[in-house]
Amino acid sequence: MEYMGFSQQFWILLLLSLLEFIFLLGPVIYYKITKKENMYSSIVVRALPPKHSLRARIVDIIVGVSAGVFLSFFAQGLLYGTVRGIIAIFGVEFYDLANSGSIDLIPPSLSTGEIIVFSLINFFVIGLCEEYFFRSVLFIEFKKKLKNWSYLLNGTIFALYHVFPGIVPIQTTITYFLYYFLLAIFLCVLLETNNNDLLSNIIAHGTFNTIPLILSLF
């Protein structure tokens, strides 16, 4: 069943993706109540301080794309090594259960239009919302009190968000926890390297998520 040229599954997954705006609205409401900040201050000033020139912003985008491409290659190597380790320790059946329990928000077959839409979602919804919440809010707040422990805590929370036990089988959590944990650490380092300016993180996250979509065309 299709609507406007897109499959029914596409629309369901689109709606699920839009739920990520909770990661924007939640902190905005919190800062409004506790610090009397308006939405502009909570999001733009906090995550994208208006101090960059256009040239600097272009550099941020280039850095983000480069980081996303690097992260994609790194993640593939990490995943390959993790899978081999899991199979060696727990066996093939354990990994099959882990893989079958993983959550995939991308339809199994994609039209060109769906790829374009999901690519935009990866940057303007998922990349924006997750990086704002996990890095600009949680990581920076943790960093104020926990110093370098904030990296480990952020990585743990980010990993559990993606493979929370009970929502996915425990085999999935064990197999993919390190994958998401190290992705979060990398993104925390990127944010701190860029003086807490989030643009490169958003671009890197969106690029990382979009590369598999582009490769699916071939």
C-alpha atoms as a PDB file:
ATOM      1  CA  MET A   1       0.000   0.000   0.000  1.00  0.00           C
ATOM      2  CA  GLU A   2       1.456   3.357  -1.024  1.00  0.00           C
ATOM      3  CA  TYR A   3       0.586   6.979  -0.299  1.00  0.00           C
ATOM      4  CA  MET A   4       2.129   9.843  -2.316  1.00  0.00           C
ATOM      5  CA  GLY A   5       4.500   7.336  -3.885  1.00  0.00           C
ATOM      6  CA  PHE A   6       5.923   6.137  -0.559  1.00  0.00           C
ATOM      7  CA  SER A   7       5.305   2.774   1.100  1.00  0.00           C
ATOM      8  CA  GLN A   8       3.217   2.346   4.246  1.00  0.00           C
ATOM      9  CA  GLN A   9       6.305   1.204   6.150  1.00  0.00           C
ATOM     10  CA  PHE A  10       8.090   4.370   5.078  1.00  0.00           C
ATOM     11  CA  TRP A  11       5.388   6.559   6.640  1.00  0.00           C
ATOM     12  CA  ILE A  12       5.439   4.554   9.881  1.00  0.00           C
ATOM     13  CA  LEU A  13       9.216   4.879  10.154  1.00  0.00           C
ATOM     14  CA  LEU A  14       8.992   8.572   9.261  1.00  0.00           C
ATOM     15  CA  LEU A  15       6.616   9.181  12.159  1.00  0.00           C
ATOM     16  CA  LEU A  16       8.900   7.232  14.504  1.00  0.00           C
ATOM     17  CA  SER A  17      11.859   9.335  13.368  1.00  0.00           C
ATOM     18  CA  LEU A  18       9.941  12.542  14.081  1.00  0.00           C
ATOM     19  CA  LEU A  19       9.557  11.435  17.696  1.00  0.00           C
ATOM     20  CA  GLU A  20      13.220  12.385  18.073  1.00  0.00           C
ATOM     21  CA  PHE A  21      12.068  16.003  18.397  1.00  0.00           C
ATOM     22  CA  ILE A  22      11.416  15.066  22.022  1.00  0.00           C
ATOM     23  CA  PHE A  23      15.191  15.356  22.446  1.00  0.00           C
ATOM     24  CA  LEU A  24      14.859  19.025  21.501  1.00  0.00           C
ATOM     25  CA  LEU A  25      11.646  19.901  23.276  1.00  0.00           C
ATOM     26  CA  GLY A  26      12.511  18.180  26.568  1.00  0.00           C
ATOM     27  CA  PRO A  27      15.615  20.289  27.302  1.00  0.00           C
ATOM     28  CA  VAL A  28      13.896  23.440  25.997  1.00  0.00           C
ATOM     29  CA  ILE A  29      11.076  22.972  28.513  1.00  0.00           C
ATOM     30  CA  TYR A  30      13.584  22.146  31.264  1.00  0.00           C
ATOM     31  CA  TYR A  31      15.702  25.251  30.616  1.00  0.00           C
ATOM     32  CA  LYS A  32      12.569  27.367  30.342  1.00  0.00           C
ATOM     33  CA  ILE A  33      11.448  26.264  33.815  1.00  0.00           C
ATOM     34  CA  THR A  34      14.797  26.180  35.606  1.00  0.00           C
ATOM     35  CA  LYS A  35      16.773  28.938  33.880  1.00  0.00           C
ATOM     36  CA  LYS A  36      14.058  31.061  32.257  1.00  0.00           C
ATOM     37  CA  GLU A  37      15.691  30.616  28.837  1.00  0.00           C
ATOM     38  CA  ASN A  38      13.726  31.026  25.627  1.00  0.00           C
ATOM     39  CA  MET A  39      13.955  28.493  22.798  1.00  0.00           C
ATOM     40  CA  TYR A  40      16.556  30.518  20.905  1.00  0.00           C
ATOM     41  CA  SER A  41      18.875  30.615  23.903  1.00  0.00           C
ATOM     42  CA  SER A  42      18.293  26.959  24.770  1.00  0.00           C
ATOM     43  CA  ILE A  43      19.070  25.641  21.295  1.00  0.00           C
ATOM     44  CA  VAL A  44      20.911  28.131  19.118  1.00  0.00           C
ATOM     45  CA  VAL A  45      23.045  29.994  21.655  1.00  0.00           C
ATOM     46  CA  ARG A  46      23.811  26.856  23.638  1.00  0.00           C
ATOM     47  CA  ALA A  47      24.549  24.537  20.699  1.00  0.00           C
ATOM     48  CA  LEU A  48      25.405  26.859  17.802  1.00  0.00           C
ATOM     49  CA  PRO A  49      26.830  30.068  19.279  1.00  0.00           C
ATOM     50  CA  PRO A  50      26.511  32.878  16.705  1.00  0.00           C
ATOM     51  CA  LYS A  51      30.191  33.795  16.637  1.00  0.00           C
ATOM     52  CA  HIS A  52      31.338  32.124  13.417  1.00  0.00           C
ATOM     53  CA  SER A  53      31.817  33.717  10.036  1.00  0.00           C
ATOM     54  CA  LEU A  54      30.352  32.058   6.957  1.00  0.00           C
ATOM     55  CA  ARG A  55      33.816  30.769   6.102  1.00  0.00           C
ATOM     56  CA  ALA A  56      34.163  29.209   9.552  1.00  0.00           C
ATOM     57  CA  ARG A  57      30.773  27.556   9.197  1.00  0.00           C
ATOM     58  CA  ILE A  58      31.800  26.071   5.843  1.00  0.00           C
ATOM     59  CA  VAL A  59      34.889  24.680   7.561  1.00  0.00           C
ATOM     60  CA  ASP A  60      32.633  23.207  10.266  1.00  0.00           C
ATOM     61  CA  ILE A  61      30.578  21.466   7.574  1.00  0.00           C
ATOM     62  CA  ILE A  62      33.682  20.096   5.860  1.00  0.00           C
ATOM     63  CA  VAL A  63      35.009  18.856   9.194  1.00  0.00           C
ATOM     64  CA  GLY A  64      31.633  17.247   9.926  1.00  0.00           C
ATOM     65  CA  VAL A  65      31.481  15.434   6.582  1.00  0.00           C
ATOM     66  CA  SER A  66      35.072  14.248   6.981  1.00  0.00           C
ATOM     67  CA  ALA A  67      34.393  13.071  10.530  1.00  0.00           C
ATOM     68  CA  GLY A  68      31.250  11.250   9.397  1.00  0.00           C
ATOM     69  CA  VAL A  69      33.105   9.439   6.618  1.00  0.00           C
ATOM     70  CA  PHE A  70      35.952   8.503   8.968  1.00  0.00           C
ATOM     71  CA  LEU A  71      33.464   7.358  11.594  1.00  0.00           C
ATOM     72  CA  SER A  72      31.718   5.176   9.016  1.00  0.00           C
ATOM     73  CA  PHE A  73      34.940   3.352   8.136  1.00  0.00           C
ATOM     74  CA  PHE A  74      35.941   3.096  11.790  1.00  0.00           C
ATOM     75  CA  ALA A  75      32.516   1.755  12.755  1.00  0.00           C
ATOM     76  CA  GLN A  76      32.594  -0.907  10.048  1.00  0.00           C
ATOM     77  CA  GLY A  77      35.966  -2.136  11.252  1.00  0.00           C
ATOM     78  CA  LEU A  78      34.796  -2.025  14.848  1.00  0.00           C
ATOM     79  CA  LEU A  79      31.620  -3.912  14.020  1.00  0.00           C
ATOM     80  CA  TYR A  80      33.527  -6.537  12.060  1.00  0.00           C
ATOM     81  CA  GLY A  81      35.897  -7.128  14.965  1.00  0.00           C
ATOM     82  CA  THR A  82      33.073  -7.139  17.504  1.00  0.00           C
ATOM     83  CA  VAL A  83      31.038  -9.690  15.553  1.00  0.00           C
ATOM     84  CA  ARG A  84      34.027 -11.989  15.187  1.00  0.00           C
ATOM     85  CA  GLY A  85      34.699 -11.698  18.900  1.00  0.00           C
ATOM     86  CA  ILE A  86      31.085 -12.369  19.850  1.00  0.00           C
ATOM     87  CA  ILE A  87      30.934 -15.432  17.613  1.00  0.00           C
ATOM     88  CA  ALA A  88      34.230 -16.720  19.015  1.00  0.00           C
ATOM     89  CA  ILE A  89      33.062 -16.304  22.607  1.00  0.00           C
ATOM     90  CA  PHE A  90      29.330 -17.040  22.464  1.00  0.00           C
ATOM     91  CA  GLY A  91      28.814 -18.819  19.146  1.00  0.00           C
ATOM     92  CA  VAL A  92      26.971 -18.165  15.908  1.00  0.00           C
ATOM     93  CA  GLU A  93      23.521 -18.761  17.403  1.00  0.00           C
ATOM     94  CA  PHE A  94      24.110 -16.000  19.970  1.00  0.00           C
ATOM     95  CA  TYR A  95      25.037 -13.547  17.208  1.00  0.00           C
ATOM     96  CA  ASP A  96      22.060 -14.560  15.065  1.00  0.00           C
ATOM     97  CA  LEU A  97      19.747 -13.748  17.983  1.00  0.00           C
ATOM     98  CA  ALA A  98      21.554 -10.448  18.507  1.00  0.00           C
ATOM     99  CA  ASN A  99      21.303  -9.487  14.852  1.00  0.00           C
ATOM    100  CA  SER A 100      17.642 -10.449  14.563  1.00  0.00           C
ATOM    101  CA  GLY A 101      16.835  -8.315  17.607  1.00  0.00           C
ATOM    102  CA  SER A 102      18.558  -5.164  16.365  1.00  0.00           C
ATOM    103  CA  ILE A 103      16.293  -2.255  15.512  1.00  0.00           C
ATOM    104  CA  ASP A 104      16.505  -1.045  11.915  1.00  0.00           C
ATOM    105  CA  LEU A 105      14.660   2.170  11.086  1.00  0.00           C
ATOM    106  CA  ILE A 106      15.373   1.890   7.356  1.00  0.00           C
ATOM    107  CA  PRO A 107      12.910   0.036   5.086  1.00  0.00           C
ATOM    108  CA  PRO A 108      14.387  -3.086   3.457  1.00  0.00           C
ATOM    109  CA  SER A 109      13.814  -1.729  -0.040  1.00  0.00           C
ATOM    110  CA  LEU A 110      14.147   1.970  -0.777  1.00  0.00           C
ATOM    111  CA  SER A 111      13.012   4.090  -3.659  1.00  0.00           C
ATOM    112  CA  THR A 112      15.135   7.050  -4.686  1.00  0.00           C
ATOM    113  CA  GLY A 113      12.590   9.391  -3.138  1.00  0.00           C
ATOM    114  CA  GLU A 114      12.689   7.540   0.168  1.00  0.00           C
ATOM    115  CA  ILE A 115      16.480   7.690   0.219  1.00  0.00           C
ATOM    116  CA  ILE A 116      16.379  11.455  -0.304  1.00  0.00           C
ATOM    117  CA  VAL A 117      13.818  11.948   2.468  1.00  0.00           C
ATOM    118  CA  PHE A 118      15.626   9.703   4.940  1.00  0.00           C
ATOM    119  CA  SER A 119      18.920  11.432   4.143  1.00  0.00           C
ATOM    120  CA  LEU A 120      17.382  14.789   5.035  1.00  0.00           C
ATOM    121  CA  ILE A 121      15.913  13.276   8.204  1.00  0.00           C
ATOM    122  CA  ASN A 122      19.343  12.008   9.191  1.00  0.00           C
ATOM    123  CA  PHE A 123      20.693  15.569   9.197  1.00  0.00           C
ATOM    124  CA  PHE A 124      17.759  17.766  10.191  1.00  0.00           C
ATOM    125  CA  VAL A 125      16.019  15.445  12.652  1.00  0.00           C
ATOM    126  CA  ILE A 126      18.139  12.562  13.945  1.00  0.00           C
ATOM    127  CA  GLY A 127      21.536  14.264  13.738  1.00  0.00           C
ATOM    128  CA  LEU A 128      20.222  17.537  15.127  1.00  0.00           C
ATOM    129  CA  CYS A 129      18.074  16.120  17.926  1.00  0.00           C
ATOM    130  CA  GLU A 130      20.381  13.362  19.148  1.00  0.00           C
ATOM    131  CA  GLU A 131      23.520  15.488  19.043  1.00  0.00           C
ATOM    132  CA  TYR A 132      21.787  18.350  20.828  1.00  0.00           C
ATOM    133  CA  PHE A 133      20.468  16.124  23.610  1.00  0.00           C
ATOM    134  CA  PHE A 134      23.339  13.682  24.075  1.00  0.00           C
ATOM    135  CA  ARG A 135      26.216  16.067  23.459  1.00  0.00           C
ATOM    136  CA  SER A 136      25.171  19.714  23.912  1.00  0.00           C
ATOM    137  CA  VAL A 137      22.983  18.961  26.918  1.00  0.00           C
ATOM    138  CA  LEU A 138      24.029  15.738  28.653  1.00  0.00           C
ATOM    139  CA  PHE A 139      27.751  15.680  27.877  1.00  0.00           C
ATOM    140  CA  ILE A 140      28.356  19.355  28.660  1.00  0.00           C
ATOM    141  CA  GLU A 141      26.337  19.167  31.891  1.00  0.00           C
ATOM    142  CA  PHE A 142      28.141  15.969  32.931  1.00  0.00           C
ATOM    143  CA  LYS A 143      31.492  17.546  32.073  1.00  0.00           C
ATOM    144  CA  LYS A 144      30.930  20.378  34.535  1.00  0.00           C
ATOM    145  CA  LYS A 145      30.685  17.962  37.462  1.00  0.00           C
ATOM    146  CA  LEU A 146      32.298  14.696  36.394  1.00  0.00           C
ATOM    147  CA  LYS A 147      35.213  15.883  34.244  1.00  0.00           C
ATOM    148  CA  ASN A 148      36.555  13.029  32.083  1.00  0.00           C
ATOM    149  CA  TRP A 149      34.066  10.545  33.553  1.00  0.00           C
ATOM    150  CA  SER A 150      31.478  12.378  31.464  1.00  0.00           C
ATOM    151  CA  TYR A 151      32.775  10.595  28.344  1.00  0.00           C
ATOM    152  CA  LEU A 152      32.069   7.165  29.830  1.00  0.00           C
ATOM    153  CA  LEU A 153      28.660   8.184  31.142  1.00  0.00           C
ATOM    154  CA  ASN A 154      27.638   9.755  27.854  1.00  0.00           C
ATOM    155  CA  GLY A 155      28.800   6.700  25.924  1.00  0.00           C
ATOM    156  CA  THR A 156      26.868   4.390  28.230  1.00  0.00           C
ATOM    157  CA  ILE A 157      23.625   6.372  27.991  1.00  0.00           C
ATOM    158  CA  PHE A 158      23.916   6.726  24.212  1.00  0.00           C
ATOM    159  CA  ALA A 159      24.559   2.996  23.802  1.00  0.00           C
ATOM    160  CA  LEU A 160      21.676   2.012  26.079  1.00  0.00           C
ATOM    161  CA  TYR A 161      19.342   4.334  24.179  1.00  0.00           C
ATOM    162  CA  HIS A 162      20.054   2.342  21.014  1.00  0.00           C
ATOM    163  CA  VAL A 163      20.181  -1.174  22.529  1.00  0.00           C
ATOM    164  CA  PHE A 164      18.295  -0.989  25.815  1.00  0.00           C
ATOM    165  CA  PRO A 165      17.855  -4.422  27.464  1.00  0.00           C
ATOM    166  CA  GLY A 166      14.213  -5.459  27.373  1.00  0.00           C
ATOM    167  CA  ILE A 167      13.439  -3.423  24.275  1.00  0.00           C
ATOM    168  CA  VAL A 168      15.964  -5.533  22.394  1.00  0.00           C
ATOM    169  CA  PRO A 169      17.247  -9.004  23.395  1.00  0.00           C
ATOM    170  CA  ILE A 170      20.162  -9.036  25.834  1.00  0.00           C
ATOM    171  CA  GLN A 171      22.229 -10.657  23.063  1.00  0.00           C
ATOM    172  CA  THR A 172      21.732  -7.501  20.997  1.00  0.00           C
ATOM    173  CA  THR A 173      22.781  -5.272  23.891  1.00  0.00           C
ATOM    174  CA  ILE A 174      25.952  -7.282  24.509  1.00  0.00           C
ATOM    175  CA  THR A 175      26.870  -7.394  20.820  1.00  0.00           C
ATOM    176  CA  TYR A 176      26.277  -3.756  19.882  1.00  0.00           C
ATOM    177  CA  PHE A 177      26.898  -1.897  23.152  1.00  0.00           C
ATOM    178  CA  LEU A 178      30.594  -1.227  22.450  1.00  0.00           C
ATOM    179  CA  TYR A 179      29.736  -0.081  18.911  1.00  0.00           C
ATOM    180  CA  TYR A 180      27.408   2.691  20.088  1.00  0.00           C
ATOM    181  CA  PHE A 181      29.547   3.444  23.149  1.00  0.00           C
ATOM    182  CA  LEU A 182      32.635   4.260  21.067  1.00  0.00           C
ATOM    183  CA  LEU A 183      30.595   6.233  18.525  1.00  0.00           C
ATOM    184  CA  ALA A 184      29.426   8.445  21.383  1.00  0.00           C
ATOM    185  CA  ILE A 185      32.966   8.884  22.707  1.00  0.00           C
ATOM    186  CA  PHE A 186      34.145   9.965  19.246  1.00  0.00           C
ATOM    187  CA  LEU A 187      31.304  12.493  18.970  1.00  0.00           C
ATOM    188  CA  CYS A 188      32.037  13.861  22.449  1.00  0.00           C
ATOM    189  CA  VAL A 189      35.678  14.409  21.458  1.00  0.00           C
ATOM    190  CA  LEU A 190      34.560  16.113  18.246  1.00  0.00           C
ATOM    191  CA  LEU A 191      32.301  18.481  20.180  1.00  0.00           C
ATOM    192  CA  GLU A 192      34.992  19.412  22.681  1.00  0.00           C
ATOM    193  CA  THR A 193      37.566  19.874  19.914  1.00  0.00           C
ATOM    194  CA  ASN A 194      35.156  22.331  18.286  1.00  0.00           C
ATOM    195  CA  ASN A 195      34.655  24.317  21.529  1.00  0.00           C
ATOM    196  CA  ASN A 196      31.168  22.895  22.149  1.00  0.00           C
ATOM    197  CA  ASP A 197      29.871  24.145  18.798  1.00  0.00           C
ATOM    198  CA  LEU A 198      27.497  21.449  17.563  1.00  0.00           C
ATOM    199  CA  LEU A 199      27.408  22.001  13.794  1.00  0.00           C
ATOM    200  CA  SER A 200      30.236  19.584  12.941  1.00  0.00           C
ATOM    201  CA  ASN A 201      28.624  16.957  15.179  1.00  0.00           C
ATOM    202  CA  ILE A 202      25.278  17.282  13.437  1.00  0.00           C
ATOM    203  CA  ILE A 203      26.902  16.978  10.020  1.00  0.00           C
ATOM    204  CA  ALA A 204      29.067  14.043  11.144  1.00  0.00           C
ATOM    205  CA  HIS A 205      26.070  12.185  12.610  1.00  0.00           C
ATOM    206  CA  GLY A 206      23.957  12.828   9.533  1.00  0.00           C
ATOM    207  CA  THR A 207      26.768  11.806   7.181  1.00  0.00           C
ATOM    208  CA  PHE A 208      27.412   8.626   9.159  1.00  0.00           C
ATOM    209  CA  ASN A 209      23.738   7.623   8.970  1.00  0.00           C
ATOM    210  CA  THR A 210      23.364   8.601   5.313  1.00  0.00           C
ATOM    211  CA  ILE A 211      26.327   6.701   3.862  1.00  0.00           C
ATOM    212  CA  PRO A 212      24.530   3.301   4.053  1.00  0.00           C
ATOM    213  CA  LEU A 213      21.555   4.843   2.233  1.00  0.00           C
ATOM    214  CA  ILE A 214      23.746   6.101  -0.575  1.00  0.00           C
ATOM    215  CA  LEU A 215      25.537   2.752  -0.834  1.00  0.00           C
ATOM    216  CA  SER A 216      22.159   0.988  -1.120  1.00  0.00           C
ATOM    217  CA  LEU A 217      21.711   2.667  -4.505  1.00  0.00           C
ATOM    218  CA  PHE A 218      24.596   0.607  -5.836  1.00  0.00           C
END
